[in-house]
Amino acid sequence: MAFEELLAEYEARRQKALAMGGPEKLARRKAEGLLNARERIDYLVDKDSFIESGLFSTSAVYEKDREKTPADGKIAGYARIHGREIAVISNDFTVMGASSSATNGKKIAQMKRVATQRGLPIVFLGESSGARMPDTMGSRGMGSMLGNDPTQYQRMRETPWAGAVLGYCYGSSTWYTGFSDFSVMRKGAIMAVSSPRLAELAIKEKVDPEEIGGWRLHAETTGLIDMVVDTDEEALDAIKTFLSYMPSHCNEAPPEYPVTPGSGEGMDKILDILPPTRTQVYDVRKIIRTIVDRDSYFEIKARFGKVAVTALARLDGKTVGIIANNPLFKGGALDTDACEKITGFIVLCDSFNIPIIMLVDTPGFIIGADAERKRAPGKIMNFMGALSLVTVPKISVVLRKSYGQAYLNMGGGRNSDEMAVWPTAEISFMDPNFAVTIVHGLEPGDPGFEDALAQMQRDSNVWDIASIYAAQSVIRPQDTRDYLIRMLQVHRLRLTNGVGQHLMRTWPTTY
């Protein structure tokens, strides 16, 4: 065959692969306001940086399927985001519902292998109908299609993973979202183990897709989704922002950025945010935004475990992880959802060399029958266990209340490298009102109650804990930003170029 004919065949095959599921299917998506799989990649990555792997791949199982499976339903390759290399997999729902097959499974494995060996973040753009039928049916199909890669479900956190739920996500799209360090979901998308149709067949009743896998379920109840957005573009923007805080791989420090002009300007008025009495509520996010670099606040799981805030941010241009109690919800008392949320965030920060800052204002853990049914002791100890394994710098600042076991979980004692307290802080085993009843048997209104309470409150002040050097510093609230920047300079992991030991690299991503 002449070179001209070979090149003509190449171009014809290339155009067929790039056409995905055909103009009618693509037009329907466009009419619905949805990006197609290739448009998603184009929007996500730097212009002209995408180099595809497996453009000419097709189904390897049935001859009749080869002509209708361009790129075999999953588009994979390498690209750059803000100049840094990544690996990306974008599911093409217009080709057999982006169902998982023998061929496209090899593409995913290649992306994971290269990303791990070369230190590239991975982005999964999810929209998939699950396993391809009838390819996986029968023992031969199961034996040839599933379980042949022993590392398929191994997560060692060598590089950051980000996932987006951008349509119907069943099977592998769900699994890789669950595996990701950051997951974002577009409203209207669905993420579940299997489709509503299959669920209806199994349980013999009508299933509402939103109930088994909608955004409210996963953002507010399961906590499997870190952020909810309205459009594909917003989801892709969120991934780009998340990766901007992350190193490319676990053996380097996170990137640094210029300090945003105006950062720290509100510090002189930070006490105006804190109510004068410890029983009044306030939104700790206002304090966080005041302390960190302007416009650098990026909250994770904002709708889940609201009594705690977990957020990435920058201080002096450097990535930090913020864990804070939020008295706006349940007075800041820690529940099991918050414990799970904080534990996962601790693992993320330690795995990718991000120093942790804890801002403390909590009356303790929520107690009672419901908390016990939700396995509170186990969740509290998971939280504590993760904190004890942290090898990045961790600095705790007590703003107001820090009581009981939560004092330890939020960095009290030697559970942080430095513990500072504001003069407004109160530290004790429990709320002084309760302590008077437990210790003295007095109830409010009883003779002697007020005197005993006053003594308990005096004993909870910051000066006693500072006098025995259990708190390393008492700082003015206005100096908190400067204090944290300076302490992070002191505690920088300079002997290892900012890299921790990653003792939690195999910690489950969901639990």
Protein backbone atom coordinates (compact mmCIF):
# COMPACT_ATOMS: atom_id res chain seq x y z
CA MET A 1 0.00 0.00 0.00
CA ALA A 2 1.40 3.41 -0.97
CA PHE A 3 2.29 5.90 1.74
CA GLU A 4 -0.55 8.18 0.61
CA GLU A 5 -3.07 5.38 1.09
CA LEU A 6 -1.67 4.51 4.50
CA LEU A 7 -1.88 8.11 5.61
CA ALA A 8 -5.39 8.40 4.21
CA GLU A 9 -6.42 5.31 6.18
CA TYR A 10 -4.77 6.75 9.28
CA GLU A 11 -6.74 9.98 8.95
CA ALA A 12 -10.02 8.17 8.31
CA ARG A 13 -9.55 6.01 11.41
CA ARG A 14 -8.52 9.04 13.44
CA GLN A 15 -11.61 11.00 12.44
CA LYS A 16 -13.83 8.02 13.25
CA ALA A 17 -12.31 7.74 16.72
CA LEU A 18 -12.63 11.47 17.36
CA ALA A 19 -16.29 11.37 16.31
CA MET A 20 -17.07 9.34 19.47
CA GLY A 21 -20.69 8.11 19.48
CA GLY A 22 -21.68 10.13 16.43
CA PRO A 23 -23.18 13.56 15.72
CA GLU A 24 -26.72 12.77 16.93
CA LYS A 25 -25.63 11.68 20.40
CA LEU A 26 -23.23 14.59 20.70
CA ALA A 27 -25.92 17.04 19.61
CA ARG A 28 -28.31 15.72 22.27
CA ARG A 29 -25.71 16.31 24.96
CA LYS A 30 -25.04 19.80 23.72
CA ALA A 31 -28.77 20.58 23.82
CA GLU A 32 -28.80 19.44 27.46
CA GLY A 33 -25.94 21.79 28.29
CA LEU A 34 -23.47 18.96 28.93
CA LEU A 35 -19.90 18.79 27.74
CA ASN A 36 -18.84 15.63 25.95
CA ALA A 37 -15.84 13.59 27.08
CA ARG A 38 -13.35 15.36 24.83
CA GLU A 39 -14.71 18.82 25.58
CA ARG A 40 -14.25 18.09 29.27
CA ILE A 41 -10.58 17.33 28.72
CA ASP A 42 -10.15 20.43 26.55
CA TYR A 43 -11.69 22.62 29.26
CA LEU A 44 -9.67 21.01 32.07
CA VAL A 45 -6.16 21.05 30.65
CA ASP A 46 -3.75 23.59 29.21
CA LYS A 47 -4.34 24.35 25.53
CA ASP A 48 -2.72 21.86 23.12
CA SER A 49 -1.14 19.88 25.97
CA PHE A 50 -3.23 16.69 25.70
CA ILE A 51 -1.57 13.66 24.14
CA GLU A 52 -3.92 10.72 23.85
CA SER A 53 -3.12 7.12 24.70
CA GLY A 54 -5.25 4.49 22.94
CA LEU A 55 -7.06 6.63 20.38
CA PHE A 56 -7.45 3.64 18.06
CA SER A 57 -8.53 1.14 20.71
CA THR A 58 -11.85 -0.71 20.33
CA SER A 59 -13.72 -3.59 21.90
CA ALA A 60 -11.60 -6.73 21.98
CA VAL A 61 -14.45 -9.14 22.66
CA TYR A 62 -16.94 -9.07 19.80
CA GLU A 63 -16.07 -8.40 16.17
CA LYS A 64 -19.41 -6.65 15.63
CA ASP A 65 -18.63 -4.16 18.42
CA ARG A 66 -15.33 -2.95 17.01
CA GLU A 67 -16.89 -0.54 14.55
CA LYS A 68 -19.10 1.05 17.18
CA THR A 69 -16.60 1.43 20.02
CA PRO A 70 -14.26 4.31 19.09
CA ALA A 71 -11.57 4.67 21.76
CA ASP A 72 -13.60 1.96 23.51
CA GLY A 73 -15.63 4.51 25.47
CA LYS A 74 -12.87 5.82 27.71
CA ILE A 75 -10.55 8.60 26.54
CA ALA A 76 -7.17 8.55 28.26
CA GLY A 77 -3.87 10.35 28.02
CA TYR A 78 -1.49 12.88 29.45
CA ALA A 79 -1.79 16.66 29.65
CA ARG A 80 -0.82 19.67 31.72
CA ILE A 81 -2.78 21.78 34.18
CA HIS A 82 -1.12 25.12 34.93
CA GLY A 83 2.05 23.73 33.37
CA ARG A 84 2.20 20.54 35.46
CA GLU A 85 1.86 17.07 33.94
CA ILE A 86 -1.19 14.95 34.79
CA ALA A 87 -2.85 11.75 33.61
CA VAL A 88 -6.55 11.96 32.74
CA ILE A 89 -9.36 9.49 31.99
CA SER A 90 -12.60 10.89 30.60
CA ASN A 91 -15.54 8.51 30.20
CA ASP A 92 -17.37 8.83 26.88
CA PHE A 93 -20.99 7.99 27.61
CA THR A 94 -21.88 8.21 23.90
CA VAL A 95 -19.96 4.96 23.29
CA MET A 96 -21.74 2.04 24.94
CA GLY A 97 -22.39 4.15 28.03
CA ALA A 98 -18.64 4.25 28.73
CA SER A 99 -19.04 0.72 30.06
CA SER A 100 -15.97 -1.03 31.43
CA SER A 101 -14.33 -3.52 29.10
CA ALA A 102 -11.15 -5.53 28.66
CA THR A 103 -9.58 -2.88 26.41
CA ASN A 104 -10.45 0.30 28.29
CA GLY A 105 -9.50 -1.40 31.54
CA LYS A 106 -5.97 -1.64 30.13
CA LYS A 107 -6.04 2.09 29.39
CA ILE A 108 -6.94 2.93 32.98
CA ALA A 109 -4.22 0.57 34.24
CA GLN A 110 -1.66 2.28 32.00
CA MET A 111 -2.61 5.73 33.29
CA LYS A 112 -2.33 4.57 36.89
CA ARG A 113 0.99 2.84 36.27
CA VAL A 114 2.61 5.79 34.51
CA ALA A 115 1.21 8.29 37.02
CA THR A 116 2.57 6.26 39.92
CA GLN A 117 5.99 5.67 38.40
CA ARG A 118 6.49 9.18 37.03
CA GLY A 119 4.77 11.22 39.72
CA LEU A 120 1.68 12.56 37.96
CA PRO A 121 -1.70 13.41 39.55
CA ILE A 122 -4.63 11.48 38.05
CA VAL A 123 -8.01 12.96 37.13
CA PHE A 124 -11.05 10.70 36.60
CA LEU A 125 -14.00 12.30 34.80
CA GLY A 126 -16.78 9.90 35.65
CA GLU A 127 -19.89 9.01 33.69
CA SER A 128 -20.38 5.30 33.17
CA SER A 129 -23.06 2.64 33.01
CA GLY A 130 -20.89 0.06 34.76
CA ALA A 131 -19.52 -3.23 33.45
CA ARG A 132 -20.13 -3.96 29.76
CA MET A 133 -22.72 -6.61 29.01
CA PRO A 134 -22.65 -9.33 27.88
CA ASP A 135 -18.83 -9.26 27.94
CA THR A 136 -18.64 -9.97 31.67
CA MET A 137 -21.43 -12.54 31.80
CA GLY A 138 -20.64 -16.16 32.60
CA SER A 139 -17.62 -17.64 34.28
CA ARG A 140 -15.43 -17.13 31.21
CA GLY A 141 -16.37 -13.45 31.05
CA MET A 142 -15.77 -12.97 34.76
CA GLY A 143 -12.46 -14.81 34.67
CA SER A 144 -11.13 -12.92 31.66
CA MET A 145 -12.45 -9.44 32.51
CA LEU A 146 -12.34 -9.02 36.28
CA GLY A 147 -9.61 -9.33 38.89
CA ASN A 148 -6.62 -9.81 36.61
CA ASP A 149 -4.75 -6.78 37.97
CA PRO A 150 -3.87 -7.34 41.63
CA THR A 151 -3.14 -3.61 42.06
CA GLN A 152 -6.46 -2.43 40.56
CA TYR A 153 -7.87 -1.49 43.95
CA GLN A 154 -4.60 -0.66 45.68
CA ARG A 155 -4.20 2.93 46.84
CA MET A 156 -0.80 3.96 48.20
CA ARG A 157 -1.27 7.74 47.70
CA GLU A 158 1.86 8.18 45.63
CA THR A 159 0.11 10.95 43.69
CA PRO A 160 -3.07 12.98 44.22
CA TRP A 161 -6.27 11.64 42.62
CA ALA A 162 -9.25 13.83 41.74
CA GLY A 163 -12.62 12.58 40.50
CA ALA A 164 -15.73 14.19 39.07
CA VAL A 165 -19.25 12.75 38.95
CA LEU A 166 -20.65 14.32 35.79
CA GLY A 167 -23.55 12.05 34.85
CA TYR A 168 -24.79 8.57 35.65
CA CYS A 169 -21.91 6.88 37.46
CA TYR A 170 -22.21 3.19 38.23
CA GLY A 171 -19.57 0.51 38.71
CA SER A 172 -15.98 1.66 38.08
CA SER A 173 -16.88 5.37 37.94
CA THR A 174 -18.18 5.02 41.47
CA TRP A 175 -15.15 3.04 42.62
CA TYR A 176 -12.62 5.56 41.32
CA THR A 177 -14.57 8.47 42.76
CA GLY A 178 -14.49 6.73 46.13
CA PHE A 179 -10.75 6.21 45.76
CA SER A 180 -10.06 9.86 44.94
CA ASP A 181 -8.55 12.38 47.34
CA PHE A 182 -11.00 14.99 46.07
CA SER A 183 -14.38 14.33 44.47
CA VAL A 184 -16.78 16.87 42.98
CA MET A 185 -20.33 16.20 41.78
CA ARG A 186 -22.54 18.10 39.39
CA LYS A 187 -26.15 18.50 40.46
CA GLY A 188 -28.31 16.14 38.41
CA ALA A 189 -25.60 13.48 38.26
CA ILE A 190 -26.05 10.14 40.04
CA MET A 191 -23.45 7.96 41.75
CA ALA A 192 -24.36 4.49 42.98
CA VAL A 193 -23.16 0.89 43.03
CA SER A 194 -25.58 -0.03 40.26
CA SER A 195 -28.32 1.57 38.17
CA PRO A 196 -31.86 2.14 39.47
CA ARG A 197 -33.11 -0.37 36.88
CA LEU A 198 -30.92 -3.14 38.29
CA ALA A 199 -31.79 -2.13 41.85
CA GLU A 200 -35.49 -2.32 41.01
CA LEU A 201 -35.04 -5.84 39.65
CA ALA A 202 -33.19 -6.86 42.80
CA ILE A 203 -35.50 -5.38 45.44
CA LYS A 204 -38.79 -5.50 43.48
CA GLU A 205 -39.73 -1.88 44.06
CA LYS A 206 -39.46 1.46 42.31
CA VAL A 207 -36.19 3.29 42.93
CA ASP A 208 -35.68 7.05 42.75
CA PRO A 209 -32.19 7.72 41.31
CA GLU A 210 -31.76 10.79 43.52
CA GLU A 211 -32.51 8.74 46.63
CA ILE A 212 -29.88 6.10 45.91
CA GLY A 213 -27.21 8.35 44.45
CA GLY A 214 -28.08 12.04 44.19
CA TRP A 215 -25.90 14.93 45.26
CA ARG A 216 -27.76 15.61 48.51
CA LEU A 217 -27.26 12.01 49.64
CA HIS A 218 -23.52 12.02 49.00
CA ALA A 219 -22.74 15.58 50.07
CA GLU A 220 -24.85 15.62 53.24
CA THR A 221 -25.35 12.02 54.39
CA THR A 222 -22.62 9.69 53.10
CA GLY A 223 -19.87 12.30 52.86
CA LEU A 224 -18.49 10.59 49.74
CA ILE A 225 -18.55 13.85 47.77
CA ASP A 226 -16.33 16.78 48.76
CA MET A 227 -18.00 19.51 46.71
CA VAL A 228 -21.24 20.07 44.79
CA VAL A 229 -21.50 22.34 41.73
CA ASP A 230 -24.08 23.30 39.13
CA THR A 231 -22.20 22.72 35.87
CA ASP A 232 -19.52 20.58 34.26
CA GLU A 233 -17.30 23.64 33.95
CA GLU A 234 -17.54 24.41 37.66
CA ALA A 235 -16.61 20.81 38.46
CA LEU A 236 -13.53 20.99 36.26
CA ASP A 237 -12.56 24.36 37.74
CA ALA A 238 -12.80 22.82 41.23
CA ILE A 239 -10.42 20.04 40.23
CA LYS A 240 -7.93 22.57 38.87
CA THR A 241 -8.15 24.55 42.10
CA PHE A 242 -7.74 21.45 44.27
CA LEU A 243 -4.63 20.35 42.36
CA SER A 244 -3.12 23.81 42.78
CA TYR A 245 -2.70 23.06 46.50
CA MET A 246 -1.22 19.62 45.90
CA PRO A 247 2.29 18.48 45.05
CA SER A 248 2.50 16.38 41.88
CA HIS A 249 3.62 13.40 43.97
CA CYS A 250 4.20 12.45 47.58
CA ASN A 251 7.96 13.02 47.48
CA GLU A 252 7.81 16.77 46.93
CA ALA A 253 6.45 19.71 48.90
CA PRO A 254 3.28 21.48 47.68
CA PRO A 255 3.75 24.39 45.25
CA GLU A 256 4.14 27.94 46.53
CA TYR A 257 2.34 31.02 45.20
CA PRO A 258 2.77 34.77 45.64
CA VAL A 259 0.93 36.11 48.67
CA THR A 260 -2.38 37.67 47.59
CA PRO A 261 -2.42 41.46 48.05
CA GLY A 262 -4.48 42.43 51.08
CA SER A 263 -3.80 39.23 53.01
CA GLY A 264 -4.02 39.74 56.76
CA GLU A 265 -5.67 43.15 56.54
CA GLY A 266 -8.53 42.14 58.86
CA MET A 267 -6.37 40.74 61.66
CA ASP A 268 -6.63 43.88 63.80
CA LYS A 269 -10.40 43.36 64.02
CA ILE A 270 -10.47 39.56 64.33
CA LEU A 271 -11.82 39.71 67.90
CA ASP A 272 -14.94 41.41 66.56
CA ILE A 273 -15.92 38.00 65.10
CA LEU A 274 -15.70 36.21 68.46
CA PRO A 275 -18.76 36.76 70.71
CA PRO A 276 -18.07 38.03 74.23
CA THR A 277 -19.52 34.93 75.93
CA ARG A 278 -18.62 31.30 75.25
CA THR A 279 -22.23 30.21 74.80
CA GLN A 280 -22.85 32.48 71.82
CA VAL A 281 -22.44 31.01 68.35
CA TYR A 282 -20.41 32.36 65.44
CA ASP A 283 -19.09 31.10 62.10
CA VAL A 284 -15.46 30.06 62.47
CA ARG A 285 -15.02 30.31 58.69
CA LYS A 286 -14.92 34.09 59.08
CA ILE A 287 -11.94 33.73 61.40
CA ILE A 288 -10.21 31.31 59.02
CA ARG A 289 -10.67 33.62 56.03
CA THR A 290 -9.23 36.49 58.05
CA ILE A 291 -6.11 34.53 59.01
CA VAL A 292 -5.21 32.85 55.70
CA ASP A 293 -4.06 34.46 52.46
CA ARG A 294 -6.88 36.37 50.78
CA ASP A 295 -9.02 34.29 48.36
CA SER A 296 -7.11 31.09 49.17
CA TYR A 297 -9.82 29.38 51.26
CA PHE A 298 -11.00 26.09 49.66
CA GLU A 299 -13.40 24.12 51.84
CA ILE A 300 -13.70 20.33 51.67
CA LYS A 301 -17.01 18.57 52.55
CA ALA A 302 -18.77 21.81 53.48
CA ARG A 303 -22.18 20.08 53.64
CA PHE A 304 -21.06 17.07 55.72
CA GLY A 305 -20.13 17.05 59.41
CA LYS A 306 -20.81 20.78 59.64
CA VAL A 307 -19.71 21.05 63.27
CA ALA A 308 -16.17 20.94 61.89
CA VAL A 309 -14.52 22.78 59.02
CA THR A 310 -11.84 21.18 56.86
CA ALA A 311 -10.25 23.40 54.26
CA LEU A 312 -7.15 23.88 52.17
CA ALA A 313 -5.72 27.38 52.17
CA ARG A 314 -2.45 29.25 51.91
CA LEU A 315 -0.44 31.07 54.52
CA ASP A 316 2.39 33.24 53.21
CA GLY A 317 1.84 31.57 49.83
CA LYS A 318 2.27 28.03 51.19
CA THR A 319 -0.41 25.31 51.33
CA VAL A 320 -1.87 24.50 54.75
CA GLY A 321 -4.71 22.28 55.91
CA ILE A 322 -7.18 23.89 58.32
CA ILE A 323 -9.22 21.88 60.83
CA ALA A 324 -11.58 23.98 62.94
CA ASN A 325 -14.58 23.52 65.19
CA ASN A 326 -17.58 25.55 64.06
CA PRO A 327 -19.84 26.70 66.93
CA LEU A 328 -22.43 27.81 64.36
CA PHE A 329 -23.55 24.15 64.26
CA LYS A 330 -24.35 22.24 67.47
CA GLY A 331 -22.12 24.64 69.37
CA GLY A 332 -19.07 23.01 67.75
CA ALA A 333 -19.57 19.71 69.57
CA LEU A 334 -17.92 16.98 67.51
CA ASP A 335 -20.16 14.21 66.11
CA THR A 336 -19.29 11.02 64.25
CA ASP A 337 -19.63 12.63 60.82
CA ALA A 338 -17.14 15.31 61.84
CA CYS A 339 -14.76 12.65 63.16
CA GLU A 340 -14.83 10.84 59.80
CA LYS A 341 -14.41 14.07 57.88
CA ILE A 342 -11.46 15.24 59.98
CA THR A 343 -9.77 11.83 59.90
CA GLY A 344 -9.90 11.71 56.11
CA PHE A 345 -8.56 15.24 55.88
CA ILE A 346 -5.67 14.44 58.24
CA VAL A 347 -4.74 11.50 56.00
CA LEU A 348 -4.86 13.72 52.90
CA CYS A 349 -2.63 16.39 54.46
CA ASP A 350 -0.06 14.00 55.84
CA SER A 351 0.10 11.99 52.62
CA PHE A 352 0.89 15.08 50.53
CA ASN A 353 3.14 17.01 52.92
CA ILE A 354 0.64 19.69 53.94
CA PRO A 355 1.09 21.22 57.44
CA ILE A 356 -2.01 21.11 59.64
CA ILE A 357 -3.45 24.02 61.62
CA MET A 358 -6.17 23.30 64.19
CA LEU A 359 -8.40 26.13 65.43
CA VAL A 360 -10.16 24.95 68.55
CA ASP A 361 -13.50 25.92 70.05
CA THR A 362 -15.44 22.83 71.13
CA PRO A 363 -17.34 21.71 74.23
CA GLY A 364 -16.32 18.12 73.45
CA PHE A 365 -17.92 15.19 71.67
CA ILE A 366 -21.64 14.75 71.29
CA ILE A 367 -22.73 12.03 73.71
CA GLY A 368 -25.84 9.95 74.17
CA ALA A 369 -27.55 6.87 72.73
CA ASP A 370 -27.55 8.09 69.14
CA ALA A 371 -23.81 8.81 69.25
CA GLU A 372 -23.12 5.33 70.62
CA ARG A 373 -25.27 3.73 67.91
CA LYS A 374 -23.15 5.58 65.36
CA ARG A 375 -20.01 4.00 66.88
CA ALA A 376 -18.69 7.20 68.43
CA PRO A 377 -15.85 5.51 70.39
CA GLY A 378 -14.47 3.95 67.22
CA LYS A 379 -14.75 7.18 65.22
CA ILE A 380 -13.10 9.19 68.01
CA MET A 381 -10.21 6.72 68.21
CA ASN A 382 -9.79 6.62 64.42
CA PHE A 383 -9.47 10.40 64.57
CA MET A 384 -6.98 10.14 67.44
CA GLY A 385 -5.04 7.34 65.76
CA ALA A 386 -4.68 9.31 62.56
CA LEU A 387 -3.54 12.40 64.46
CA SER A 388 -0.87 10.37 66.26
CA LEU A 389 0.55 9.17 62.93
CA VAL A 390 0.91 12.64 61.42
CA THR A 391 4.50 13.48 60.41
CA VAL A 392 3.88 16.94 58.91
CA PRO A 393 3.91 19.99 61.20
CA LYS A 394 0.74 20.47 63.24
CA ILE A 395 -0.05 23.59 65.20
CA SER A 396 -3.07 24.01 67.46
CA VAL A 397 -4.58 27.34 68.52
CA VAL A 398 -7.34 27.33 71.15
CA LEU A 399 -9.71 30.22 70.49
CA ARG A 400 -12.30 29.60 73.16
CA LYS A 401 -13.44 26.23 74.60
CA SER A 402 -11.45 22.99 74.66
CA TYR A 403 -12.93 20.31 76.88
CA GLY A 404 -12.36 16.65 77.65
CA GLN A 405 -11.11 14.11 75.11
CA ALA A 406 -11.70 16.66 72.36
CA TYR A 407 -8.83 18.68 73.87
CA LEU A 408 -6.52 15.83 72.83
CA ASN A 409 -8.17 15.19 69.46
CA MET A 410 -7.82 18.86 68.56
CA GLY A 411 -4.10 18.90 69.26
CA GLY A 412 -3.93 19.42 73.02
CA GLY A 413 -1.09 18.02 75.09
CA ARG A 414 1.71 16.73 72.87
CA ASN A 415 -0.68 15.97 70.02
CA SER A 416 0.59 19.02 68.15
CA ASP A 417 4.07 20.41 67.66
CA GLU A 418 3.04 23.74 69.14
CA MET A 419 -0.07 24.63 71.11
CA ALA A 420 -0.99 28.28 71.46
CA VAL A 421 -3.98 29.75 73.26
CA TRP A 422 -5.83 33.02 73.01
CA PRO A 423 -6.47 34.81 76.35
CA THR A 424 -10.17 34.09 75.67
CA ALA A 425 -9.62 30.32 75.88
CA GLU A 426 -11.05 27.97 78.52
CA ILE A 427 -9.53 24.52 79.00
CA SER A 428 -10.95 21.87 81.28
CA PHE A 429 -12.28 18.34 81.38
CA MET A 430 -15.88 19.49 80.90
CA ASP A 431 -18.14 22.54 80.89
CA PRO A 432 -17.70 24.24 84.31
CA ASN A 433 -21.48 24.23 84.86
CA PHE A 434 -21.56 20.44 84.53
CA ALA A 435 -18.40 20.06 86.60
CA VAL A 436 -19.95 21.85 89.57
CA THR A 437 -22.84 19.38 89.55
CA ILE A 438 -20.56 16.35 89.17
CA VAL A 439 -17.94 17.44 91.72
CA HIS A 440 -20.08 19.23 94.31
CA GLY A 441 -23.53 17.83 93.68
CA LEU A 442 -24.92 21.33 93.25
CA GLU A 443 -27.52 22.37 90.70
CA PRO A 444 -28.01 25.89 89.31
CA GLY A 445 -29.91 27.91 91.94
CA ASP A 446 -28.55 25.88 94.87
CA PRO A 447 -26.69 27.81 97.60
CA GLY A 448 -22.98 27.79 96.83
CA PHE A 449 -23.42 26.94 93.13
CA GLU A 450 -22.29 30.34 91.86
CA ASP A 451 -19.19 30.40 94.08
CA ALA A 452 -18.21 26.89 92.97
CA LEU A 453 -18.81 27.85 89.36
CA ALA A 454 -16.63 30.94 89.65
CA GLN A 455 -13.80 28.81 91.03
CA MET A 456 -14.19 26.27 88.23
CA GLN A 457 -14.05 29.03 85.66
CA ARG A 458 -10.93 30.53 87.24
CA ASP A 459 -9.28 27.11 87.14
CA SER A 460 -10.05 26.86 83.41
CA ASN A 461 -8.14 29.98 82.41
CA VAL A 462 -5.17 29.98 80.05
CA TRP A 463 -2.63 31.16 82.60
CA ASP A 464 -2.63 27.94 84.58
CA ILE A 465 -1.97 25.76 81.53
CA ALA A 466 0.67 28.21 80.30
CA SER A 467 2.38 28.21 83.71
CA ILE A 468 3.09 24.47 83.49
CA TYR A 469 4.16 24.79 79.82
CA ALA A 470 1.34 22.57 78.58
CA ALA A 471 0.59 25.44 76.21
CA GLN A 472 3.74 26.77 74.59
CA SER A 473 2.38 30.25 73.86
CA VAL A 474 -0.36 32.66 74.83
CA ILE A 475 -0.90 34.95 71.85
CA ARG A 476 -3.01 37.98 71.09
CA PRO A 477 -5.72 37.05 68.58
CA GLN A 478 -4.49 39.87 66.30
CA ASP A 479 -1.08 38.15 66.08
CA THR A 480 -2.39 34.72 65.05
CA ARG A 481 -1.54 34.98 61.35
CA ASP A 482 2.02 36.13 62.04
CA TYR A 483 2.45 33.50 64.76
CA LEU A 484 1.35 30.68 62.47
CA ILE A 485 3.56 31.81 59.59
CA ARG A 486 6.56 32.01 61.92
CA MET A 487 5.90 28.65 63.57
CA LEU A 488 5.53 26.94 60.21
CA GLN A 489 8.92 28.36 59.26
CA VAL A 490 10.39 26.87 62.43
CA HIS A 491 8.76 23.47 61.92
CA ARG A 492 9.38 23.17 58.20
CA LEU A 493 10.60 19.65 57.31
CA ARG A 494 13.92 21.05 56.08
CA LEU A 495 15.87 17.81 56.60
CA THR A 496 13.61 16.06 54.06
CA ASN A 497 12.84 19.01 51.75
CA GLY A 498 9.32 19.34 53.13
CA VAL A 499 8.41 15.65 52.78
CA GLY A 500 6.83 13.64 55.61
CA GLN A 501 6.98 9.90 56.33
CA HIS A 502 3.48 9.07 54.98
CA LEU A 503 2.60 6.59 57.70
CA MET A 504 -1.06 6.66 56.58
CA ARG A 505 -0.51 6.11 52.83
CA THR A 506 -2.63 2.95 52.92
CA TRP A 507 -5.40 4.35 55.14
CA PRO A 508 -8.81 3.66 53.53
CA THR A 509 -10.22 6.57 51.54
CA THR A 510 -13.75 5.77 52.78
CA TYR A 511 -14.85 4.16 56.06
